[in-house]
């Protein structure tokens, strides 16, 4: 469209020759800028890298406060640690995602994190059995889905097609009827990766994912409360989050799926964790395993190509001791959502062997 307009008015530019020349240079520059912008929008819409313009420009504010994170209540799992008073119920209203790339049966809510001080959207998809009258008294296992960085809460549904791929497998009994939950993880702008970590005075990204989001799910859906029936999955930077959060909170997650992840947080150049020596060491999954008082009862499926997650998975497997189990699969594709989309069915069939349907 911009090229057509430029051609239409190219010969109609009036005034002295310097004015004509300058005007035509501006017209050419406008065409170039709009062309680049159009390509960016097309790529973003295909991969759902940014959820909105605020995410792209880094102008969104998702940290309301950074309170001290209290110990969790083991009776209200996912939780753990010393008991505290029971938090008030988090009753939410849900609506559509309003994104043509995301299936209509995915729900969205805006959650204000009581523990973390983080505010953001959370997307939820319910398995086909959920509304079946035969299952009206049943509770369902849950998987939290973590995108890469930068990434959108919609990417798992819109680009990786997780619900569309798994729905028929659930109906056939090949995959357990998991509730799928995808929270916002781009919380500090597009140039600061919180690394799913609580950073003093900055953000409680760990508490957001492992405390606030699960509590909301438990308060609004028939979700199984036991950590033995919860899992976490991620790709790229989200894979790093999935691995380290499962190992750090084995009372909240029974299993983790890591696709093309990494162990060293500094692998992500915008990681705030990677820039802090103490946080960098403490948030490496290998170090979490080595520092654990007892090996966590966590099953892990780690996949990645050589140089892109495979060696990191082998390092985790080498550090793991029973009852921790680590299955490493070598991939051959590039670091793209197209490759991770192909991994979804097999990964969730593996997960069903760890957390079977009841």
Protein backbone atom coordinates (compact mmCIF):
# COMPACT_ATOMS: atom_id res chain seq x y z
CA UNK A 1 0.00 0.00 0.00
CA UNK A 2 2.78 2.49 0.91
CA UNK A 3 4.60 1.74 -2.37
CA UNK A 4 1.40 2.33 -4.33
CA UNK A 5 0.88 5.68 -2.62
CA UNK A 6 4.49 6.67 -3.28
CA UNK A 7 4.22 5.80 -6.99
CA UNK A 8 0.91 7.64 -7.22
CA UNK A 9 2.34 10.89 -5.85
CA UNK A 10 5.93 10.55 -7.13
CA UNK A 11 5.36 12.71 -10.18
CA UNK A 12 3.05 15.13 -8.40
CA UNK A 13 5.64 16.48 -5.99
CA UNK A 14 5.96 20.21 -6.57
CA UNK A 15 8.31 22.98 -5.51
CA UNK A 16 12.00 23.67 -6.08
CA UNK A 17 14.27 20.76 -6.96
CA UNK A 18 15.79 20.42 -3.43
CA UNK A 19 12.26 20.18 -1.99
CA UNK A 20 11.30 17.56 -4.57
CA UNK A 21 14.41 15.51 -3.79
CA UNK A 22 13.90 15.68 -0.03
CA UNK A 23 10.22 14.79 -0.33
CA UNK A 24 11.01 11.75 -2.48
CA UNK A 25 13.72 10.59 -0.06
CA UNK A 26 11.16 10.78 2.76
CA UNK A 27 8.70 8.80 0.64
CA UNK A 28 11.31 6.08 0.04
CA UNK A 29 12.19 5.94 3.73
CA UNK A 30 8.50 5.67 4.62
CA UNK A 31 8.13 2.74 2.24
CA UNK A 32 11.12 0.98 3.78
CA UNK A 33 9.93 1.51 7.36
CA UNK A 34 6.40 0.29 6.64
CA UNK A 35 7.76 -2.75 4.78
CA UNK A 36 9.99 -3.72 7.71
CA UNK A 37 7.12 -3.12 10.14
CA UNK A 38 4.77 -5.26 8.07
CA UNK A 39 7.27 -8.16 7.99
CA UNK A 40 7.78 -7.87 11.75
CA UNK A 41 4.02 -7.96 12.38
CA UNK A 42 3.65 -11.00 10.12
CA UNK A 43 6.46 -12.86 11.90
CA UNK A 44 5.12 -11.89 15.31
CA UNK A 45 1.58 -12.97 14.42
CA UNK A 46 2.90 -16.31 13.20
CA UNK A 47 4.99 -16.96 16.32
CA UNK A 48 3.18 -14.85 18.98
CA UNK A 49 6.48 -13.52 20.32
CA UNK A 50 4.89 -10.38 21.77
CA UNK A 51 1.32 -10.34 23.07
CA UNK A 52 0.79 -6.61 22.51
CA UNK A 53 2.55 -3.32 21.75
CA UNK A 54 3.30 -2.76 25.45
CA UNK A 55 5.30 -5.99 25.46
CA UNK A 56 7.24 -4.94 22.39
CA UNK A 57 7.97 -1.43 23.65
CA UNK A 58 8.56 -2.57 27.24
CA UNK A 59 5.96 -0.14 28.58
CA UNK A 60 3.72 -2.67 30.35
CA UNK A 61 3.74 -2.62 34.16
CA UNK A 62 3.12 -6.04 35.71
CA UNK A 63 4.87 -5.62 39.06
CA UNK A 64 2.48 -4.01 41.52
CA UNK A 65 4.70 -4.66 44.55
CA UNK A 66 7.61 -6.83 45.66
CA UNK A 67 6.57 -8.09 49.09
CA UNK A 68 8.56 -10.66 51.09
CA UNK A 69 7.36 -14.10 50.02
CA UNK A 70 5.93 -15.91 53.06
CA UNK A 71 6.33 -19.64 53.67
CA UNK A 72 3.70 -21.69 51.88
CA UNK A 73 1.00 -23.83 53.43
CA UNK A 74 1.63 -27.53 52.71
CA UNK A 75 -2.09 -28.23 53.11
CA UNK A 76 -2.97 -25.98 50.19
CA UNK A 77 -0.76 -27.49 47.52
CA UNK A 78 1.04 -26.48 45.40
CA UNK A 79 2.83 -25.31 48.52
CA UNK A 80 5.33 -26.49 51.05
CA UNK A 81 7.37 -25.23 53.96
CA UNK A 82 5.98 -23.97 57.23
CA UNK A 83 2.25 -23.46 57.65
CA UNK A 84 0.74 -20.00 57.44
CA UNK A 85 -2.86 -18.85 57.61
CA UNK A 86 -4.98 -19.92 54.68
CA UNK A 87 -5.15 -17.19 52.01
CA UNK A 88 -8.53 -15.92 50.80
CA UNK A 89 -10.03 -17.70 47.82
CA UNK A 90 -9.04 -16.27 44.45
CA UNK A 91 -12.28 -16.26 42.48
CA UNK A 92 -11.80 -15.03 38.94
CA UNK A 93 -13.93 -14.19 35.92
CA UNK A 94 -12.86 -15.63 32.58
CA UNK A 95 -13.39 -14.55 29.00
CA UNK A 96 -12.07 -15.21 25.52
CA UNK A 97 -8.54 -14.44 24.40
CA UNK A 98 -9.70 -12.39 21.40
CA UNK A 99 -6.81 -13.59 19.27
CA UNK A 100 -7.66 -15.34 15.97
CA UNK A 101 -4.56 -17.53 16.37
CA UNK A 102 -5.81 -18.93 19.70
CA UNK A 103 -8.65 -21.50 19.77
CA UNK A 104 -12.00 -20.28 21.10
CA UNK A 105 -12.04 -22.81 23.94
CA UNK A 106 -9.02 -21.16 25.63
CA UNK A 107 -10.06 -18.88 28.52
CA UNK A 108 -8.27 -15.82 29.87
CA UNK A 109 -8.35 -14.04 33.22
CA UNK A 110 -6.46 -11.10 34.67
CA UNK A 111 -4.89 -12.20 37.94
CA UNK A 112 -3.53 -10.02 40.75
CA UNK A 113 -0.97 -12.15 42.53
CA UNK A 114 -1.58 -12.10 46.28
CA UNK A 115 1.80 -13.60 47.19
CA UNK A 116 4.04 -12.21 44.45
CA UNK A 117 2.67 -8.74 43.82
CA UNK A 118 2.67 -9.55 40.10
CA UNK A 119 -0.33 -8.81 37.87
CA UNK A 120 -0.90 -10.48 34.52
CA UNK A 121 -3.09 -12.59 32.33
CA UNK A 122 -3.38 -16.34 32.71
CA UNK A 123 -4.74 -18.57 29.94
CA UNK A 124 -6.53 -21.81 30.82
CA UNK A 125 -7.69 -24.69 28.64
CA UNK A 126 -9.90 -27.46 29.99
CA UNK A 127 -9.68 -31.03 28.64
CA UNK A 128 -12.68 -32.52 26.79
CA UNK A 129 -13.59 -34.68 29.80
CA UNK A 130 -13.92 -31.68 32.12
CA UNK A 131 -17.50 -30.82 31.14
CA UNK A 132 -18.56 -34.42 30.50
CA UNK A 133 -21.31 -35.33 33.02
CA UNK A 134 -19.51 -38.63 33.65
CA UNK A 135 -16.61 -36.64 35.12
CA UNK A 136 -18.61 -34.04 37.07
CA UNK A 137 -17.14 -35.19 40.39
CA UNK A 138 -13.60 -35.74 39.10
CA UNK A 139 -10.56 -33.54 39.62
CA UNK A 140 -7.94 -33.15 36.91
CA UNK A 141 -4.13 -33.02 36.73
CA UNK A 142 -2.53 -29.74 35.67
CA UNK A 143 0.38 -28.66 33.48
CA UNK A 144 1.76 -25.13 33.56
CA UNK A 145 3.10 -24.03 30.17
CA UNK A 146 5.99 -21.54 30.12
CA UNK A 147 6.92 -19.68 26.90
CA UNK A 148 10.39 -18.58 25.84
CA UNK A 149 11.79 -15.06 26.15
CA UNK A 150 10.42 -12.83 24.89
CA UNK A 151 7.21 -14.79 24.71
CA UNK A 152 3.47 -14.57 25.03
CA UNK A 153 1.03 -16.51 27.17
CA UNK A 154 -0.73 -17.34 23.89
CA UNK A 155 2.22 -18.99 22.13
CA UNK A 156 1.63 -22.53 23.40
CA UNK A 157 -1.96 -22.46 22.12
CA UNK A 158 -1.61 -20.32 19.01
CA UNK A 159 1.77 -21.44 17.62
CA UNK A 160 2.57 -24.79 19.23
CA UNK A 161 -1.12 -25.81 18.90
CA UNK A 162 -0.91 -27.65 22.20
CA UNK A 163 -4.65 -27.91 22.86
CA UNK A 164 -5.52 -28.75 19.25
CA UNK A 165 -2.90 -31.49 19.16
CA UNK A 166 -3.73 -32.97 22.56
CA UNK A 167 -7.53 -32.87 22.46
CA UNK A 168 -7.94 -35.91 20.14
CA UNK A 169 -5.22 -37.79 22.04
CA UNK A 170 -7.10 -37.16 25.28
CA UNK A 171 -10.34 -38.34 23.70
CA UNK A 172 -8.57 -41.51 22.57
CA UNK A 173 -7.10 -42.10 26.03
CA UNK A 174 -3.52 -41.73 24.80
CA UNK A 175 -2.89 -38.60 26.87
CA UNK A 176 -4.25 -37.89 30.36
CA UNK A 177 -6.88 -35.10 30.57
CA UNK A 178 -4.61 -32.32 31.77
CA UNK A 179 -5.79 -28.81 32.52
CA UNK A 180 -3.36 -26.57 30.62
CA UNK A 181 -2.37 -23.25 32.19
CA UNK A 182 -0.19 -20.58 30.58
CA UNK A 183 0.68 -17.51 32.70
CA UNK A 184 2.30 -14.30 31.54
CA UNK A 185 6.06 -14.48 32.08
CA UNK A 186 7.15 -11.30 30.27
CA UNK A 187 6.85 -9.13 33.36
CA UNK A 188 9.61 -6.50 33.21
CA UNK A 189 9.65 -5.49 29.57
CA UNK A 190 11.27 -6.97 26.49
CA UNK A 191 14.86 -6.25 27.58
CA UNK A 192 14.71 -7.75 31.10
CA UNK A 193 14.18 -11.46 31.64
CA UNK A 194 13.16 -12.25 35.23
CA UNK A 195 14.14 -15.87 34.67
CA UNK A 196 11.14 -17.15 36.69
CA UNK A 197 13.05 -16.10 39.81
CA UNK A 198 12.32 -14.09 42.94
CA UNK A 199 14.75 -11.16 42.82
CA UNK A 200 14.80 -9.06 45.99
CA UNK A 201 13.41 -5.58 45.46
CA UNK A 202 12.73 -6.28 41.78
CA UNK A 203 10.17 -9.03 41.23
CA UNK A 204 8.73 -12.26 42.61
CA UNK A 205 8.52 -14.19 39.35
CA UNK A 206 8.98 -17.61 40.99
CA UNK A 207 6.15 -16.98 43.48
CA UNK A 208 3.92 -15.77 40.63
CA UNK A 209 4.32 -19.02 38.70
CA UNK A 210 4.53 -21.52 41.57
CA UNK A 211 2.20 -19.92 44.14
CA UNK A 212 -0.27 -17.39 42.75
CA UNK A 213 -1.14 -19.06 39.47
CA UNK A 214 -1.60 -22.57 40.96
CA UNK A 215 -3.72 -21.18 43.82
CA UNK A 216 -5.97 -19.44 41.31
CA UNK A 217 -6.36 -22.69 39.36
CA UNK A 218 -7.24 -24.62 42.52
CA UNK A 219 -9.79 -21.98 43.55
CA UNK A 220 -11.58 -21.84 40.19
CA UNK A 221 -11.37 -25.31 38.65
CA UNK A 222 -11.64 -28.96 39.64
CA UNK A 223 -7.87 -29.32 39.74
CA UNK A 224 -6.10 -31.99 41.74
CA UNK A 225 -4.34 -30.36 44.71
CA UNK A 226 -1.53 -32.89 45.11
CA UNK A 227 1.84 -31.87 43.69
CA UNK A 228 2.12 -35.45 42.41
CA UNK A 229 -0.53 -34.49 39.82
CA UNK A 230 1.09 -31.27 38.61
CA UNK A 231 3.76 -30.74 35.95
CA UNK A 232 5.49 -27.82 34.26
CA UNK A 233 6.66 -27.57 30.65
CA UNK A 234 8.62 -25.00 28.66
CA UNK A 235 10.65 -24.30 25.55
CA UNK A 236 13.86 -22.25 25.22
CA UNK A 237 14.02 -19.86 28.22
CA UNK A 238 10.77 -21.44 29.40
CA UNK A 239 12.50 -24.83 29.36
CA UNK A 240 15.12 -23.48 31.75
CA UNK A 241 12.28 -22.28 33.98
CA UNK A 242 10.48 -25.63 33.84
CA UNK A 243 13.59 -27.61 34.80
CA UNK A 244 14.75 -25.39 37.63
CA UNK A 245 11.29 -24.75 39.12
CA UNK A 246 10.44 -28.46 39.18
CA UNK A 247 13.73 -29.29 40.89
CA UNK A 248 13.45 -26.37 43.31
CA UNK A 249 9.82 -27.18 44.20
CA UNK A 250 9.42 -30.97 44.04
CA UNK A 251 6.46 -30.72 46.42
CA UNK A 252 4.63 -28.70 43.76
CA UNK A 253 5.61 -30.49 40.53
CA UNK A 254 5.98 -34.19 39.85
CA UNK A 255 7.42 -33.75 36.36
CA UNK A 256 9.01 -31.27 33.95
CA UNK A 257 9.27 -31.10 30.16
CA UNK A 258 12.23 -29.07 28.86
CA UNK A 259 12.57 -28.40 25.12
CA UNK A 260 15.79 -26.73 23.92
CA UNK A 261 16.58 -25.26 27.32
CA UNK A 262 19.80 -24.31 29.07
CA UNK A 263 21.26 -24.62 32.56
CA UNK A 264 23.30 -21.42 32.90
CA UNK A 265 20.88 -18.44 33.22
CA UNK A 266 23.50 -16.20 31.55
CA UNK A 267 22.81 -18.04 28.29
CA UNK A 268 19.96 -15.55 27.90
CA UNK A 269 21.74 -12.21 27.41
CA UNK A 270 18.83 -10.25 28.92
CA UNK A 271 18.59 -12.43 32.03
CA UNK A 272 18.78 -10.45 35.26
CA UNK A 273 19.58 -13.71 37.04
CA UNK A 274 22.52 -14.35 34.73
CA UNK A 275 24.02 -10.97 35.61
CA UNK A 276 24.05 -11.68 39.35
CA UNK A 277 26.77 -14.22 40.32
CA UNK A 278 24.90 -15.63 43.33
CA UNK A 279 21.55 -15.90 41.55
CA UNK A 280 23.26 -17.32 38.48
CA UNK A 281 24.77 -20.15 40.50
CA UNK A 282 21.68 -20.81 42.62
CA UNK A 283 19.34 -21.05 39.61
CA UNK A 284 21.36 -23.55 37.59
CA UNK A 285 19.41 -26.86 37.65
CA UNK A 286 22.64 -28.84 38.10
CA UNK A 287 23.52 -26.80 41.19
CA UNK A 288 19.98 -27.17 42.53
CA UNK A 289 20.39 -30.95 42.33
CA UNK A 290 23.80 -30.86 43.99
CA UNK A 291 22.58 -28.61 46.80
CA UNK A 292 19.40 -30.57 47.56
CA UNK A 293 19.35 -32.19 51.01
CA UNK A 294 17.75 -35.20 49.37
CA UNK A 295 17.21 -35.95 45.68
CA UNK A 296 13.84 -34.56 44.55
CA UNK A 297 11.17 -36.95 43.35
CA UNK A 298 10.87 -35.34 39.93
CA UNK A 299 10.72 -36.95 36.48
CA UNK A 300 12.25 -34.91 33.67
CA UNK A 301 12.05 -35.16 29.90
CA UNK A 302 14.75 -33.01 28.32
CA UNK A 303 15.10 -32.66 24.54
CA UNK A 304 17.41 -30.57 22.44
CA UNK A 305 19.83 -30.61 19.56
CA UNK A 306 23.58 -30.75 20.13
CA UNK A 307 24.65 -27.27 21.13
CA UNK A 308 21.04 -26.37 21.88
CA UNK A 309 20.00 -28.10 25.07
CA UNK A 310 21.22 -31.66 24.58
CA UNK A 311 24.47 -31.26 26.53
CA UNK A 312 22.62 -29.36 29.28
CA UNK A 313 20.22 -32.27 29.60
CA UNK A 314 23.11 -34.72 29.88
CA UNK A 315 24.63 -32.58 32.64
CA UNK A 316 21.37 -32.72 34.59
CA UNK A 317 21.15 -36.48 34.08
CA UNK A 318 24.72 -36.92 35.31
CA UNK A 319 23.95 -34.96 38.48
CA UNK A 320 20.64 -36.70 39.18
CA UNK A 321 20.20 -39.43 41.78
CA UNK A 322 17.14 -41.56 42.50
CA UNK A 323 14.30 -40.82 42.89
CA UNK A 324 15.07 -38.07 40.34
CA UNK A 325 14.76 -39.48 36.82
CA UNK A 326 16.00 -37.75 33.68
CA UNK A 327 15.27 -38.85 30.11
CA UNK A 328 17.30 -36.98 27.49
CA UNK A 329 16.34 -37.03 23.82
CA UNK A 330 18.51 -35.63 21.04
CA UNK A 331 16.71 -33.43 18.56
CA UNK A 332 17.88 -32.49 15.09
CA UNK A 333 15.87 -29.41 14.25
CA UNK A 334 16.54 -25.67 14.66
CA UNK A 335 15.63 -23.52 17.65
CA UNK A 336 12.10 -22.77 16.41
CA UNK A 337 8.48 -23.11 17.48
CA UNK A 338 7.90 -25.40 14.50
CA UNK A 339 10.25 -27.99 16.01
CA UNK A 340 8.76 -27.69 19.50
CA UNK A 341 5.25 -28.04 18.08
CA UNK A 342 6.22 -31.43 16.66
CA UNK A 343 7.49 -32.52 20.09
CA UNK A 344 4.21 -31.84 21.89
CA UNK A 345 2.36 -35.16 21.31
CA UNK A 346 5.30 -37.36 22.30
CA UNK A 347 6.17 -35.21 25.30
CA UNK A 348 2.65 -35.40 26.70
CA UNK A 349 2.43 -39.13 26.08
CA UNK A 350 5.61 -39.44 28.16
CA UNK A 351 4.04 -37.19 30.81
CA UNK A 352 0.97 -39.45 30.91
CA UNK A 353 3.27 -42.34 31.85
CA UNK A 354 4.36 -40.28 34.87
CA UNK A 355 0.98 -38.74 35.73
CA UNK A 356 -1.59 -41.17 34.34
CA UNK A 357 -5.31 -40.58 34.11
CA UNK A 358 -7.22 -41.68 37.20
